[in-house]
C-alpha cells in the first residue's frame, strides 16, 4: 500500500466536475479516488440517505455539483471515525470559518500530508494553510484526518499480515506509524 499512498491525490475543488453528475456517476467518481485507501467506499443508498438527512443538499435535476461531491469526499473519509452528527458539526464549523473551496482543499492537502507521514514516506508534516491560521476548525480537521490515517495504516498492515498467512508468521517490521497530536 505505501506505493498507492505515495501516488494518492484527491482532486482539488476546482478539478471536481461542476457539470452535474448523476447519482451512479457521483458514486463511481468518489469511489475511484478513494479505492487506494481500501476501506472508504460509498454507495448510492448512502448518498441518498445523506441527502435525506440534510448532510448534503438535494441534487438539482438529479445531478450533483462540485459542492455536493466535495462534501461526499469528506463524509466518506470521516465516517470511519466520526458519527454523522459530529460530521455535521464539523461542517458547520468549517462553513463558519472558510469557503467550501478552501475547507475542501485543506481537507485534501491534510489527508495527503498525513497519509504520507503516517506511512513513513516523509519525515515531517507540512503546515496546511497559513501558519497564523490556528482555528479550532483546522485543528479538529487535522485530528479527524490523523485518526482516519491511523485506521488506514492499521487496515493495511493487517491485510498484509493476512495475505502472508496470518500474524503467526514473522513479518518484516515497517516503520512505526507516527502519532501526531495537534499543538
Foldseek 3Di string as FASTA:
>chain_A
DLVLLVVQADDALVRFAFPFDALVRLQCNLCVRCVSLPPQGDDSVRLVVCCVVPVADDGDVRTDGSLSSLSVNVCSQLVVPDPVVVSSVLVVVCVVPHDSRLLSNLLRLLLSQLLCQQQVVDPDGDDRDDPVPPDPSSLVSNVSSLVSSVVSVVVVVQVVQVVVPHDVDDDDDGPHGDRDHDD
